[in-house]
């Protein structure tokens, strides 16, 4: 059996692939941004919350960090309609990404919060800072610098993980690769181009994150 590569057929769909890459990028960005908010809120609840808040936050983190993202996506996509909640596939995947990112980021933020020096927190307490002020002026500046590298790595992982959206009909990069492959049957060419675009996206994201880390948070991040 012989297989003749026909790159011209695949490259005809390049604009279509690039459109899917844009969907991948803004889906990941919005999901991760929401995850940052969820993560920092959960971490604060774990460290400074009441016993009930701590238990609730711990259950959320344990559940989502020990459950495959695909399983939680199926639950959201097929489970919520049973309760009368109908959402688009894009919104379901966005919620799933946000909840998963929030759980993993909560662990990162919690370790960062606990690494803040006791003397700094005591000084804030003496000065009468509220919990919000402690987070804003003491905790946030500290964790922004020390936790930026692992948070950046998680962002890259979630760019690649967003490919599961294709299973639910979201036409991001992998979803569009599926569509083109089903029309052309040029699997090697199609998925080689898709993989190359993913590599370029992650390199570009790493470079952008390194720039932000270096010039905003003064983190010595390596740039390609």
N, C-alpha and C. Protein backbone atom coordinates (compact mmCIF):
# COMPACT_ATOMS: atom_id res chain seq x y z
N UNK A 1 0.86 -1.20 0.00
CA UNK A 1 0.00 0.00 0.00
C UNK A 1 0.89 1.24 0.00
N UNK A 2 0.66 2.14 -0.92
CA UNK A 2 1.47 3.35 -1.01
C UNK A 2 0.62 4.56 -0.68
N UNK A 3 1.28 5.53 -0.12
CA UNK A 3 0.61 6.78 0.25
C UNK A 3 1.43 7.92 -0.32
N UNK A 4 0.84 8.70 -1.20
CA UNK A 4 1.53 9.82 -1.83
C UNK A 4 1.13 11.11 -1.14
N UNK A 5 2.11 11.80 -0.62
CA UNK A 5 1.84 13.07 0.06
C UNK A 5 1.36 14.12 -0.94
N UNK A 6 0.31 14.82 -0.57
CA UNK A 6 -0.24 15.89 -1.40
C UNK A 6 -0.41 17.14 -0.53
N UNK A 7 0.69 17.84 -0.33
CA UNK A 7 0.68 18.99 0.57
C UNK A 7 -0.19 20.13 0.05
N UNK A 8 -0.31 20.23 -1.27
CA UNK A 8 -1.11 21.31 -1.83
C UNK A 8 -2.55 21.25 -1.38
N UNK A 9 -3.09 20.03 -1.29
CA UNK A 9 -4.48 19.86 -0.84
C UNK A 9 -4.62 20.36 0.60
N UNK A 10 -3.66 20.02 1.44
CA UNK A 10 -3.73 20.42 2.84
C UNK A 10 -3.55 21.92 3.00
N UNK A 11 -2.60 22.49 2.28
CA UNK A 11 -2.31 23.92 2.43
C UNK A 11 -3.45 24.80 1.90
N UNK A 12 -4.30 24.25 1.07
CA UNK A 12 -5.47 25.02 0.63
C UNK A 12 -6.37 25.38 1.80
N UNK A 13 -6.30 24.59 2.88
CA UNK A 13 -7.13 24.81 4.06
C UNK A 13 -6.40 25.59 5.15
N UNK A 14 -5.24 26.12 4.85
CA UNK A 14 -4.45 26.80 5.88
C UNK A 14 -5.21 27.97 6.52
N UNK A 15 -5.89 28.84 5.75
CA UNK A 15 -6.67 29.91 6.42
C UNK A 15 -7.73 29.37 7.37
N UNK A 16 -8.32 28.25 7.00
CA UNK A 16 -9.32 27.61 7.85
C UNK A 16 -8.68 27.12 9.15
N UNK A 17 -7.48 26.54 9.05
CA UNK A 17 -6.75 26.10 10.23
C UNK A 17 -6.38 27.27 11.13
N UNK A 18 -5.94 28.35 10.52
CA UNK A 18 -5.54 29.53 11.31
C UNK A 18 -6.73 30.12 12.05
N UNK A 19 -7.90 30.07 11.42
CA UNK A 19 -9.11 30.52 12.11
C UNK A 19 -9.39 29.66 13.33
N UNK A 20 -9.16 28.34 13.19
CA UNK A 20 -9.32 27.45 14.34
C UNK A 20 -8.30 27.73 15.42
N UNK A 21 -7.08 28.11 15.02
CA UNK A 21 -6.05 28.45 16.00
C UNK A 21 -6.47 29.67 16.82
N UNK A 22 -7.11 30.63 16.19
CA UNK A 22 -7.61 31.80 16.92
C UNK A 22 -8.66 31.41 17.94
N UNK A 23 -9.54 30.48 17.56
CA UNK A 23 -10.55 29.99 18.50
C UNK A 23 -9.86 29.31 19.68
N UNK A 24 -8.83 28.51 19.41
CA UNK A 24 -8.07 27.85 20.47
C UNK A 24 -7.47 28.88 21.43
N UNK A 25 -6.89 29.93 20.87
CA UNK A 25 -6.22 30.93 21.70
C UNK A 25 -7.19 31.70 22.58
N UNK A 26 -8.31 32.17 22.01
CA UNK A 26 -9.20 32.97 22.87
C UNK A 26 -10.01 32.08 23.81
N UNK A 27 -10.26 30.82 23.44
CA UNK A 27 -10.90 29.89 24.37
C UNK A 27 -10.00 29.63 25.57
N UNK A 28 -8.72 29.39 25.30
CA UNK A 28 -7.77 29.14 26.38
C UNK A 28 -7.56 30.39 27.24
N UNK A 29 -7.45 31.53 26.59
CA UNK A 29 -7.20 32.78 27.33
C UNK A 29 -8.35 33.09 28.27
N UNK A 30 -9.58 33.03 27.77
CA UNK A 30 -10.73 33.35 28.61
C UNK A 30 -10.91 32.32 29.72
N UNK A 31 -10.72 31.04 29.39
CA UNK A 31 -10.84 29.99 30.40
C UNK A 31 -9.79 30.11 31.48
N UNK A 32 -8.56 30.41 31.08
CA UNK A 32 -7.48 30.52 32.05
C UNK A 32 -7.63 31.79 32.89
N UNK A 33 -8.10 32.87 32.28
CA UNK A 33 -8.33 34.10 33.03
C UNK A 33 -9.38 33.88 34.11
N UNK A 34 -10.47 33.21 33.75
CA UNK A 34 -11.49 32.88 34.74
C UNK A 34 -10.91 31.95 35.80
N UNK A 35 -10.04 31.02 35.36
CA UNK A 35 -9.40 30.11 36.30
C UNK A 35 -8.50 30.82 37.29
N UNK A 36 -7.83 31.89 36.84
CA UNK A 36 -7.01 32.68 37.76
C UNK A 36 -7.85 33.28 38.88
N UNK A 37 -9.00 33.80 38.52
CA UNK A 37 -9.89 34.39 39.52
C UNK A 37 -10.40 33.32 40.48
N UNK A 38 -10.82 32.19 39.92
CA UNK A 38 -11.30 31.08 40.76
C UNK A 38 -10.17 30.56 41.64
N UNK A 39 -8.97 30.43 41.06
CA UNK A 39 -7.85 29.88 41.79
C UNK A 39 -7.44 30.71 42.98
N UNK A 40 -7.30 32.02 42.79
CA UNK A 40 -6.87 32.88 43.90
C UNK A 40 -7.95 32.95 44.97
N UNK A 41 -9.23 32.95 44.55
CA UNK A 41 -10.33 32.97 45.52
C UNK A 41 -10.35 31.68 46.34
N UNK A 42 -10.17 30.56 45.66
CA UNK A 42 -10.16 29.26 46.35
C UNK A 42 -8.97 29.15 47.30
N UNK A 43 -7.80 29.61 46.85
CA UNK A 43 -6.61 29.53 47.70
C UNK A 43 -6.77 30.37 48.96
N UNK A 44 -7.33 31.56 48.82
CA UNK A 44 -7.57 32.41 49.99
C UNK A 44 -8.54 31.73 50.94
N UNK A 45 -9.58 31.08 50.37
CA UNK A 45 -10.54 30.37 51.21
C UNK A 45 -9.88 29.20 51.94
N UNK A 46 -8.96 28.52 51.26
CA UNK A 46 -8.27 27.39 51.89
C UNK A 46 -7.38 27.83 53.05
N UNK A 47 -6.77 28.99 52.91
CA UNK A 47 -5.81 29.43 53.93
C UNK A 47 -6.47 30.26 55.02
N UNK A 48 -7.37 31.16 54.63
CA UNK A 48 -7.92 32.12 55.59
C UNK A 48 -9.42 31.95 55.84
N UNK A 49 -10.07 31.04 55.15
CA UNK A 49 -11.51 30.90 55.27
C UNK A 49 -11.94 30.19 56.54
N UNK A 50 -13.24 30.18 56.76
CA UNK A 50 -13.80 29.45 57.89
C UNK A 50 -13.65 27.95 57.63
N UNK A 51 -13.84 27.11 58.64
CA UNK A 51 -13.74 25.66 58.42
C UNK A 51 -14.62 25.15 57.28
N UNK A 52 -15.84 25.68 57.18
CA UNK A 52 -16.74 25.27 56.10
C UNK A 52 -16.19 25.69 54.74
N UNK A 53 -15.69 26.91 54.65
CA UNK A 53 -15.10 27.39 53.40
C UNK A 53 -13.88 26.56 53.02
N UNK A 54 -13.06 26.22 54.00
CA UNK A 54 -11.87 25.43 53.74
C UNK A 54 -12.23 24.04 53.22
N UNK A 55 -13.22 23.42 53.84
CA UNK A 55 -13.63 22.08 53.40
C UNK A 55 -14.21 22.13 51.99
N UNK A 56 -15.04 23.14 51.73
CA UNK A 56 -15.64 23.27 50.40
C UNK A 56 -14.58 23.49 49.33
N UNK A 57 -13.63 24.38 49.64
CA UNK A 57 -12.55 24.65 48.68
C UNK A 57 -11.69 23.41 48.46
N UNK A 58 -11.41 22.66 49.52
CA UNK A 58 -10.60 21.46 49.39
C UNK A 58 -11.30 20.40 48.55
N UNK A 59 -12.61 20.24 48.74
CA UNK A 59 -13.37 19.27 47.95
C UNK A 59 -13.33 19.64 46.47
N UNK A 60 -13.51 20.91 46.18
CA UNK A 60 -13.44 21.37 44.78
C UNK A 60 -12.08 21.08 44.16
N UNK A 61 -11.02 21.41 44.87
CA UNK A 61 -9.66 21.20 44.33
C UNK A 61 -9.37 19.73 44.15
N UNK A 62 -9.69 18.91 45.15
CA UNK A 62 -9.43 17.48 45.06
C UNK A 62 -10.21 16.85 43.91
N UNK A 63 -11.45 17.26 43.74
CA UNK A 63 -12.28 16.68 42.68
C UNK A 63 -11.71 16.99 41.30
N UNK A 64 -11.42 18.25 41.02
CA UNK A 64 -11.01 18.62 39.68
C UNK A 64 -9.55 18.29 39.38
N UNK A 65 -8.70 18.18 40.40
CA UNK A 65 -7.32 17.81 40.13
C UNK A 65 -7.13 16.30 40.04
N UNK A 66 -8.16 15.54 40.39
CA UNK A 66 -8.07 14.08 40.34
C UNK A 66 -9.09 13.46 39.38
N UNK A 67 -9.69 14.30 38.57
CA UNK A 67 -10.66 13.83 37.57
C UNK A 67 -10.20 14.27 36.19
N UNK A 68 -10.21 13.38 35.20
CA UNK A 68 -9.81 13.81 33.85
C UNK A 68 -10.67 14.96 33.35
N UNK A 69 -10.05 15.89 32.69
CA UNK A 69 -10.77 17.04 32.16
C UNK A 69 -11.87 16.62 31.19
N UNK A 70 -11.63 15.54 30.47
CA UNK A 70 -12.64 15.05 29.52
C UNK A 70 -13.90 14.59 30.24
N UNK A 71 -13.73 13.96 31.40
CA UNK A 71 -14.87 13.48 32.17
C UNK A 71 -15.71 14.65 32.68
N UNK A 72 -15.06 15.68 33.22
CA UNK A 72 -15.81 16.84 33.71
C UNK A 72 -16.47 17.58 32.55
N UNK A 73 -15.84 17.56 31.38
CA UNK A 73 -16.45 18.19 30.21
C UNK A 73 -17.72 17.45 29.81
N UNK A 74 -17.69 16.11 29.85
CA UNK A 74 -18.89 15.32 29.55
C UNK A 74 -19.99 15.62 30.56
N UNK A 75 -19.61 15.75 31.83
CA UNK A 75 -20.61 16.03 32.86
C UNK A 75 -21.29 17.37 32.60
N UNK A 76 -20.50 18.39 32.28
CA UNK A 76 -21.06 19.71 32.03
C UNK A 76 -21.92 19.71 30.77
N UNK A 77 -21.40 19.06 29.72
CA UNK A 77 -22.07 19.09 28.42
C UNK A 77 -23.38 18.30 28.43
N UNK A 78 -23.36 17.12 29.08
CA UNK A 78 -24.55 16.26 29.07
C UNK A 78 -25.34 16.32 30.37
N UNK A 79 -24.69 16.74 31.46
CA UNK A 79 -25.38 16.76 32.74
C UNK A 79 -26.23 17.99 32.98
N UNK A 80 -25.70 19.16 32.61
CA UNK A 80 -26.44 20.39 32.88
C UNK A 80 -27.80 20.45 32.18
N UNK A 81 -27.93 19.95 30.93
CA UNK A 81 -29.27 19.97 30.30
C UNK A 81 -30.31 19.19 31.09
N UNK A 82 -29.88 18.20 31.87
CA UNK A 82 -30.83 17.45 32.69
C UNK A 82 -31.46 18.32 33.77
N UNK A 83 -30.77 19.42 34.10
CA UNK A 83 -31.30 20.35 35.09
C UNK A 83 -31.89 21.60 34.42
N UNK A 84 -32.09 21.51 33.12
CA UNK A 84 -32.68 22.61 32.39
C UNK A 84 -31.73 23.71 32.01
N UNK A 85 -30.43 23.46 32.14
CA UNK A 85 -29.41 24.46 31.80
C UNK A 85 -28.83 24.11 30.44
N UNK A 86 -29.18 24.87 29.43
CA UNK A 86 -28.72 24.60 28.07
C UNK A 86 -27.66 25.62 27.67
N UNK A 87 -26.48 25.15 27.37
CA UNK A 87 -25.37 26.01 27.01
C UNK A 87 -24.79 25.55 25.67
N UNK A 88 -24.16 26.48 24.97
CA UNK A 88 -23.51 26.14 23.71
C UNK A 88 -22.27 25.28 24.01
N UNK A 89 -21.82 24.48 23.03
CA UNK A 89 -20.60 23.69 23.24
C UNK A 89 -19.41 24.56 23.64
N UNK A 90 -19.29 25.72 23.01
CA UNK A 90 -18.16 26.62 23.33
C UNK A 90 -18.21 27.02 24.80
N UNK A 91 -19.38 27.40 25.29
CA UNK A 91 -19.50 27.86 26.67
C UNK A 91 -19.28 26.70 27.64
N UNK A 92 -19.74 25.51 27.29
CA UNK A 92 -19.50 24.34 28.15
C UNK A 92 -18.01 24.08 28.32
N UNK A 93 -17.27 24.12 27.21
CA UNK A 93 -15.84 23.88 27.27
C UNK A 93 -15.14 25.02 28.01
N UNK A 94 -15.60 26.24 27.81
CA UNK A 94 -15.02 27.38 28.52
C UNK A 94 -15.17 27.22 30.03
N UNK A 95 -16.36 26.81 30.46
CA UNK A 95 -16.60 26.59 31.89
C UNK A 95 -15.72 25.46 32.40
N UNK A 96 -15.60 24.40 31.62
CA UNK A 96 -14.77 23.26 32.02
C UNK A 96 -13.31 23.67 32.16
N UNK A 97 -12.81 24.43 31.20
CA UNK A 97 -11.43 24.90 31.28
C UNK A 97 -11.22 25.79 32.51
N UNK A 98 -12.18 26.67 32.77
CA UNK A 98 -12.06 27.59 33.91
C UNK A 98 -12.05 26.82 35.22
N UNK A 99 -12.93 25.84 35.37
CA UNK A 99 -12.99 25.08 36.62
C UNK A 99 -11.74 24.23 36.82
N UNK A 100 -11.25 23.62 35.76
CA UNK A 100 -10.03 22.82 35.88
C UNK A 100 -8.82 23.70 36.14
N UNK A 101 -8.72 24.81 35.41
CA UNK A 101 -7.60 25.72 35.64
C UNK A 101 -7.65 26.28 37.06
N UNK A 102 -8.84 26.62 37.52
CA UNK A 102 -8.99 27.17 38.86
C UNK A 102 -8.50 26.21 39.94
N UNK A 103 -8.79 24.92 39.76
CA UNK A 103 -8.38 23.93 40.76
C UNK A 103 -6.86 23.79 40.81
N UNK A 104 -6.23 23.68 39.64
CA UNK A 104 -4.78 23.53 39.61
C UNK A 104 -4.08 24.81 40.08
N UNK A 105 -4.64 25.95 39.68
CA UNK A 105 -4.05 27.23 40.10
C UNK A 105 -4.23 27.46 41.60
N UNK A 106 -5.31 26.94 42.17
CA UNK A 106 -5.54 27.10 43.60
C UNK A 106 -4.41 26.45 44.39
N UNK A 107 -3.96 25.27 43.94
CA UNK A 107 -2.83 24.62 44.60
C UNK A 107 -1.57 25.47 44.52
N UNK A 108 -1.36 26.05 43.34
CA UNK A 108 -0.18 26.90 43.14
C UNK A 108 -0.26 28.14 44.03
N UNK A 109 -1.42 28.79 44.01
CA UNK A 109 -1.59 30.01 44.80
C UNK A 109 -1.50 29.73 46.29
N UNK A 110 -2.05 28.60 46.72
CA UNK A 110 -2.02 28.26 48.14
C UNK A 110 -0.58 28.12 48.63
N UNK A 111 0.23 27.44 47.84
CA UNK A 111 1.64 27.31 48.24
C UNK A 111 2.33 28.67 48.24
N UNK A 112 1.95 29.55 47.31
CA UNK A 112 2.53 30.89 47.28
C UNK A 112 2.10 31.72 48.47
N UNK A 113 0.83 31.62 48.85
CA UNK A 113 0.33 32.37 50.01
C UNK A 113 1.03 31.91 51.29
N UNK A 114 1.19 30.60 51.40
CA UNK A 114 1.81 30.05 52.61
C UNK A 114 3.31 30.36 52.68
N UNK A 115 3.88 30.75 51.53
CA UNK A 115 5.30 31.09 51.53
C UNK A 115 5.55 32.55 51.91
N UNK A 116 4.48 33.34 52.03
CA UNK A 116 4.63 34.73 52.46
C UNK A 116 5.15 34.75 53.90
N UNK A 117 6.11 35.58 54.17
CA UNK A 117 6.72 35.63 55.50
C UNK A 117 5.70 36.03 56.56
N UNK A 118 5.79 35.35 57.68
CA UNK A 118 4.86 35.62 58.78
C UNK A 118 4.99 37.07 59.26
N UNK A 119 6.20 37.58 59.26
CA UNK A 119 6.42 38.95 59.74
C UNK A 119 5.68 39.96 58.86
N UNK A 120 5.61 39.69 57.55
CA UNK A 120 4.90 40.60 56.66
C UNK A 120 3.40 40.59 56.95
N UNK A 121 2.86 39.40 57.19
CA UNK A 121 1.43 39.30 57.50
C UNK A 121 1.13 39.92 58.86
N UNK A 122 2.03 39.74 59.82
CA UNK A 122 1.82 40.35 61.14
C UNK A 122 1.85 41.87 61.05
N UNK A 123 2.76 42.39 60.21
CA UNK A 123 2.84 43.84 60.02
C UNK A 123 1.54 44.37 59.41
N UNK A 124 0.99 43.63 58.44
CA UNK A 124 -0.28 44.04 57.83
C UNK A 124 -1.41 43.99 58.85
N UNK A 125 -1.36 43.00 59.74
CA UNK A 125 -2.38 42.87 60.79
C UNK A 125 -2.30 44.05 61.75
N UNK A 126 -1.09 44.44 62.13
CA UNK A 126 -0.91 45.56 63.05
C UNK A 126 -1.40 46.87 62.43
N UNK A 127 -1.20 46.99 61.12
CA UNK A 127 -1.62 48.20 60.42
C UNK A 127 -3.12 48.22 60.13
N UNK A 128 -3.81 47.15 60.52
CA UNK A 128 -5.26 47.13 60.39
C UNK A 128 -5.75 46.79 58.99
N UNK A 129 -4.94 46.10 58.19
CA UNK A 129 -5.35 45.73 56.84
C UNK A 129 -6.50 44.73 56.89
N UNK A 130 -7.46 44.91 55.98
CA UNK A 130 -8.51 43.91 55.82
C UNK A 130 -7.93 42.74 55.03
N UNK A 131 -8.71 41.64 54.90
CA UNK A 131 -8.23 40.49 54.14
C UNK A 131 -7.96 40.89 52.69
N UNK A 132 -8.86 41.69 52.10
CA UNK A 132 -8.67 42.14 50.72
C UNK A 132 -7.39 42.96 50.58
N UNK A 133 -7.12 43.82 51.53
CA UNK A 133 -5.91 44.65 51.49
C UNK A 133 -4.66 43.79 51.66
N UNK A 134 -4.75 42.76 52.50
CA UNK A 134 -3.61 41.84 52.64
C UNK A 134 -3.29 41.16 51.32
N UNK A 135 -4.35 40.72 50.65
CA UNK A 135 -4.17 40.06 49.35
C UNK A 135 -3.58 41.03 48.33
N UNK A 136 -4.12 42.25 48.32
CA UNK A 136 -3.71 43.24 47.30
C UNK A 136 -2.28 43.75 47.51
N UNK A 137 -1.92 44.03 48.75
CA UNK A 137 -0.65 44.72 48.99
C UNK A 137 0.48 43.82 49.52
N UNK A 138 0.13 42.66 50.06
CA UNK A 138 1.16 41.79 50.64
C UNK A 138 1.29 40.48 49.85
N UNK A 139 0.17 39.79 49.70
CA UNK A 139 0.22 38.46 49.09
C UNK A 139 0.42 38.51 47.58
N UNK A 140 -0.39 39.34 46.89
CA UNK A 140 -0.35 39.38 45.42
C UNK A 140 1.03 39.75 44.86
N UNK A 141 1.67 40.81 45.38
CA UNK A 141 3.01 41.13 44.84
C UNK A 141 4.02 40.00 45.05
N UNK A 142 3.89 39.30 46.17
CA UNK A 142 4.83 38.21 46.44
C UNK A 142 4.62 37.04 45.48
N UNK A 143 3.37 36.58 45.35
CA UNK A 143 3.13 35.41 44.53
C UNK A 143 3.22 35.73 43.04
N UNK A 144 3.00 37.00 42.67
CA UNK A 144 3.12 37.36 41.25
C UNK A 144 4.53 37.09 40.75
N UNK A 145 5.50 37.29 41.60
CA UNK A 145 6.90 37.09 41.19
C UNK A 145 7.34 35.64 41.36
N UNK A 146 7.01 35.04 42.48
CA UNK A 146 7.50 33.69 42.75
C UNK A 146 6.73 32.61 41.98
N UNK A 147 5.46 32.86 41.68
CA UNK A 147 4.65 31.82 41.05
C UNK A 147 4.45 32.03 39.55
N UNK A 148 5.02 33.08 39.00
CA UNK A 148 4.80 33.36 37.58
C UNK A 148 5.27 32.22 36.68
N UNK A 149 6.45 31.64 36.90
CA UNK A 149 6.91 30.55 36.01
C UNK A 149 5.97 29.34 35.99
N UNK A 150 5.56 28.78 37.16
CA UNK A 150 4.65 27.63 37.09
C UNK A 150 3.29 27.97 36.50
N UNK A 151 2.81 29.19 36.73
CA UNK A 151 1.53 29.60 36.14
C UNK A 151 1.66 29.68 34.63
N UNK A 152 2.78 30.18 34.15
CA UNK A 152 3.01 30.25 32.71
C UNK A 152 3.05 28.86 32.09
N UNK A 153 3.69 27.92 32.78
CA UNK A 153 3.74 26.54 32.28
C UNK A 153 2.34 25.92 32.21
N UNK A 154 1.52 26.19 33.22
CA UNK A 154 0.16 25.69 33.20
C UNK A 154 -0.63 26.25 32.02
N UNK A 155 -0.38 27.51 31.69
CA UNK A 155 -1.09 28.12 30.57
C UNK A 155 -0.76 27.39 29.27
N UNK A 156 0.50 27.05 29.07
CA UNK A 156 0.90 26.32 27.86
C UNK A 156 0.21 24.96 27.82
N UNK A 157 0.16 24.29 28.97
CA UNK A 157 -0.49 22.98 29.04
C UNK A 157 -1.97 23.09 28.67
N UNK A 158 -2.62 24.17 29.11
CA UNK A 158 -4.04 24.32 28.83
C UNK A 158 -4.30 24.69 27.37
N UNK A 159 -3.35 25.32 26.71
CA UNK A 159 -3.49 25.56 25.27
C UNK A 159 -3.61 24.22 24.55
N UNK A 160 -2.73 23.29 24.91
CA UNK A 160 -2.75 21.97 24.28
C UNK A 160 -3.97 21.17 24.72
N UNK A 161 -4.35 21.30 25.98
CA UNK A 161 -5.49 20.56 26.50
C UNK A 161 -6.82 21.00 25.93
N UNK A 162 -6.87 22.20 25.38
CA UNK A 162 -8.13 22.70 24.82
C UNK A 162 -8.56 21.90 23.60
N UNK A 163 -7.69 21.03 23.09
CA UNK A 163 -8.05 20.21 21.93
C UNK A 163 -9.25 19.31 22.20
N UNK A 164 -9.53 19.02 23.48
CA UNK A 164 -10.69 18.18 23.79
C UNK A 164 -12.00 18.83 23.35
N UNK A 165 -11.97 20.14 23.13
CA UNK A 165 -13.18 20.85 22.68
C UNK A 165 -13.68 20.29 21.35
N UNK A 166 -12.78 19.73 20.56
CA UNK A 166 -13.17 19.20 19.25
C UNK A 166 -14.17 18.06 19.38
N UNK A 167 -14.12 17.32 20.49
CA UNK A 167 -15.04 16.20 20.70
C UNK A 167 -16.47 16.69 20.81
N UNK A 168 -16.63 17.94 21.26
CA UNK A 168 -17.96 18.48 21.52
C UNK A 168 -18.43 19.42 20.41
N UNK A 169 -17.76 19.40 19.29
CA UNK A 169 -18.20 20.17 18.13
C UNK A 169 -17.70 21.59 18.08
N UNK A 170 -16.76 21.95 18.95
CA UNK A 170 -16.18 23.29 18.90
C UNK A 170 -15.10 23.30 17.82
N UNK A 171 -15.21 24.21 16.88
CA UNK A 171 -14.28 24.21 15.75
C UNK A 171 -13.01 25.00 16.07
N UNK A 172 -12.27 24.50 17.06
CA UNK A 172 -10.94 25.05 17.28
C UNK A 172 -9.99 24.31 16.34
N UNK A 173 -8.70 24.41 16.56
CA UNK A 173 -7.74 23.88 15.60
C UNK A 173 -7.91 22.37 15.36
N UNK A 174 -7.97 21.59 16.43
CA UNK A 174 -8.11 20.15 16.26
C UNK A 174 -9.45 19.80 15.63
N UNK A 175 -10.50 20.49 16.02
CA UNK A 175 -11.82 20.24 15.44
C UNK A 175 -11.83 20.50 13.94
N UNK A 176 -11.17 21.55 13.52
CA UNK A 176 -11.11 21.85 12.09
C UNK A 176 -10.23 20.85 11.36
N UNK A 177 -9.20 20.36 12.03
CA UNK A 177 -8.37 19.31 11.42
C UNK A 177 -9.21 18.05 11.19
N UNK A 178 -10.06 17.71 12.17
CA UNK A 178 -10.97 16.58 11.99
C UNK A 178 -11.85 16.79 10.75
N UNK A 179 -12.41 17.97 10.64
CA UNK A 179 -13.32 18.26 9.53
C UNK A 179 -12.64 18.11 8.18
N UNK A 180 -11.45 18.68 8.07
CA UNK A 180 -10.73 18.63 6.80
C UNK A 180 -10.30 17.20 6.48
N UNK A 181 -9.88 16.48 7.49
CA UNK A 181 -9.46 15.10 7.27
C UNK A 181 -10.62 14.24 6.77
N UNK A 182 -11.81 14.48 7.32
CA UNK A 182 -12.98 13.71 6.89
C UNK A 182 -13.38 14.03 5.45
N UNK A 183 -12.98 15.20 4.95
CA UNK A 183 -13.29 15.58 3.57
C UNK A 183 -12.22 15.13 2.58
N UNK A 184 -10.96 15.23 3.00
CA UNK A 184 -9.85 15.00 2.07
C UNK A 184 -9.16 13.64 2.25
N UNK A 185 -9.28 13.06 3.44
CA UNK A 185 -8.59 11.80 3.78
C UNK A 185 -7.07 11.93 3.62
N UNK A 186 -6.56 13.13 3.84
CA UNK A 186 -5.10 13.36 3.81
C UNK A 186 -4.62 13.53 5.25
N UNK A 187 -4.70 12.45 6.03
CA UNK A 187 -4.46 12.53 7.47
C UNK A 187 -3.05 13.00 7.81
N UNK A 188 -2.04 12.45 7.14
CA UNK A 188 -0.66 12.79 7.49
C UNK A 188 -0.41 14.28 7.27
N UNK A 189 -0.83 14.79 6.12
CA UNK A 189 -0.60 16.20 5.83
C UNK A 189 -1.39 17.11 6.77
N UNK A 190 -2.66 16.75 7.00
CA UNK A 190 -3.54 17.59 7.82
C UNK A 190 -3.02 17.70 9.25
N UNK A 191 -2.69 16.56 9.86
CA UNK A 191 -2.29 16.60 11.27
C UNK A 191 -0.85 17.07 11.44
N UNK A 192 -0.05 16.96 10.40
CA UNK A 192 1.29 17.56 10.46
C UNK A 192 1.19 19.08 10.51
N UNK A 193 0.31 19.63 9.68
CA UNK A 193 0.10 21.08 9.69
C UNK A 193 -0.49 21.53 11.02
N UNK A 194 -1.48 20.78 11.53
CA UNK A 194 -2.09 21.13 12.82
C UNK A 194 -1.06 21.09 13.94
N UNK A 195 -0.22 20.05 13.96
CA UNK A 195 0.81 19.94 14.99
C UNK A 195 1.80 21.09 14.90
N UNK A 196 2.16 21.47 13.67
CA UNK A 196 3.09 22.58 13.48
C UNK A 196 2.51 23.89 14.01
N UNK A 197 1.23 24.10 13.75
CA UNK A 197 0.57 25.32 14.24
C UNK A 197 0.55 25.32 15.78
N UNK A 198 0.29 24.16 16.39
CA UNK A 198 0.33 24.08 17.85
C UNK A 198 1.71 24.43 18.39
N UNK A 199 2.75 23.92 17.74
CA UNK A 199 4.11 24.23 18.17
C UNK A 199 4.37 25.73 18.08
N UNK A 200 3.95 26.34 16.98
CA UNK A 200 4.14 27.78 16.80
C UNK A 200 3.35 28.58 17.84
N UNK A 201 2.14 28.12 18.14
CA UNK A 201 1.32 28.82 19.13
C UNK A 201 1.96 28.76 20.51
N UNK A 202 2.44 27.59 20.89
CA UNK A 202 3.04 27.46 22.22
C UNK A 202 4.35 28.24 22.32
N UNK A 203 5.13 28.27 21.23
CA UNK A 203 6.35 29.06 21.23
C UNK A 203 6.01 30.55 21.35
N UNK A 204 5.00 31.00 20.61
CA UNK A 204 4.61 32.40 20.66
C UNK A 204 4.08 32.76 22.05
N UNK A 205 3.28 31.86 22.63
CA UNK A 205 2.74 32.12 23.97
C UNK A 205 3.86 32.15 25.01
N UNK A 206 4.82 31.23 24.89
CA UNK A 206 5.95 31.21 25.82
C UNK A 206 6.77 32.50 25.72
N UNK A 207 6.97 32.96 24.50
CA UNK A 207 7.74 34.19 24.29
C UNK A 207 7.00 35.40 24.88
N UNK A 208 5.68 35.47 24.64
CA UNK A 208 4.89 36.58 25.16
C UNK A 208 4.86 36.55 26.69
N UNK A 209 4.69 35.36 27.27
CA UNK A 209 4.67 35.24 28.73
C UNK A 209 6.02 35.60 29.33
N UNK A 210 7.10 35.23 28.64
CA UNK A 210 8.43 35.57 29.13
C UNK A 210 8.64 37.08 29.12
N UNK A 211 8.15 37.75 28.08
CA UNK A 211 8.26 39.21 28.02
C UNK A 211 7.49 39.87 29.16
N UNK A 212 6.25 39.40 29.38
CA UNK A 212 5.44 39.96 30.46
C UNK A 212 6.12 39.72 31.80
N UNK A 213 6.60 38.50 32.00
CA UNK A 213 7.27 38.19 33.26
C UNK A 213 8.50 39.02 33.50
N UNK A 214 9.27 39.25 32.45
CA UNK A 214 10.53 39.98 32.59
C UNK A 214 10.31 41.46 32.86
N UNK A 215 9.36 42.07 32.15
CA UNK A 215 9.22 43.53 32.23
C UNK A 215 8.09 44.00 33.15
N UNK A 216 7.19 43.10 33.53
CA UNK A 216 6.11 43.48 34.44
C UNK A 216 6.37 42.97 35.85
N UNK A 217 6.75 41.70 35.96
CA UNK A 217 6.94 41.10 37.29
C UNK A 217 8.40 40.94 37.67
N UNK A 218 9.32 41.38 36.79
CA UNK A 218 10.75 41.29 37.05
C UNK A 218 11.20 39.85 37.29
N UNK A 219 10.61 38.94 36.55
CA UNK A 219 10.97 37.53 36.64
C UNK A 219 12.00 37.23 35.56
N UNK A 220 13.05 36.53 35.91
CA UNK A 220 14.08 36.19 34.92
C UNK A 220 13.60 34.99 34.12
N UNK A 221 12.75 35.28 33.15
CA UNK A 221 12.17 34.21 32.32
C UNK A 221 12.99 34.07 31.05
N UNK A 222 13.19 32.81 30.66
CA UNK A 222 13.95 32.55 29.45
C UNK A 222 13.07 32.76 28.23
N UNK A 223 13.59 33.44 27.23
CA UNK A 223 12.87 33.67 25.98
C UNK A 223 13.54 32.89 24.87
N UNK A 224 12.72 32.40 23.95
CA UNK A 224 13.28 31.61 22.85
C UNK A 224 14.05 32.51 21.90
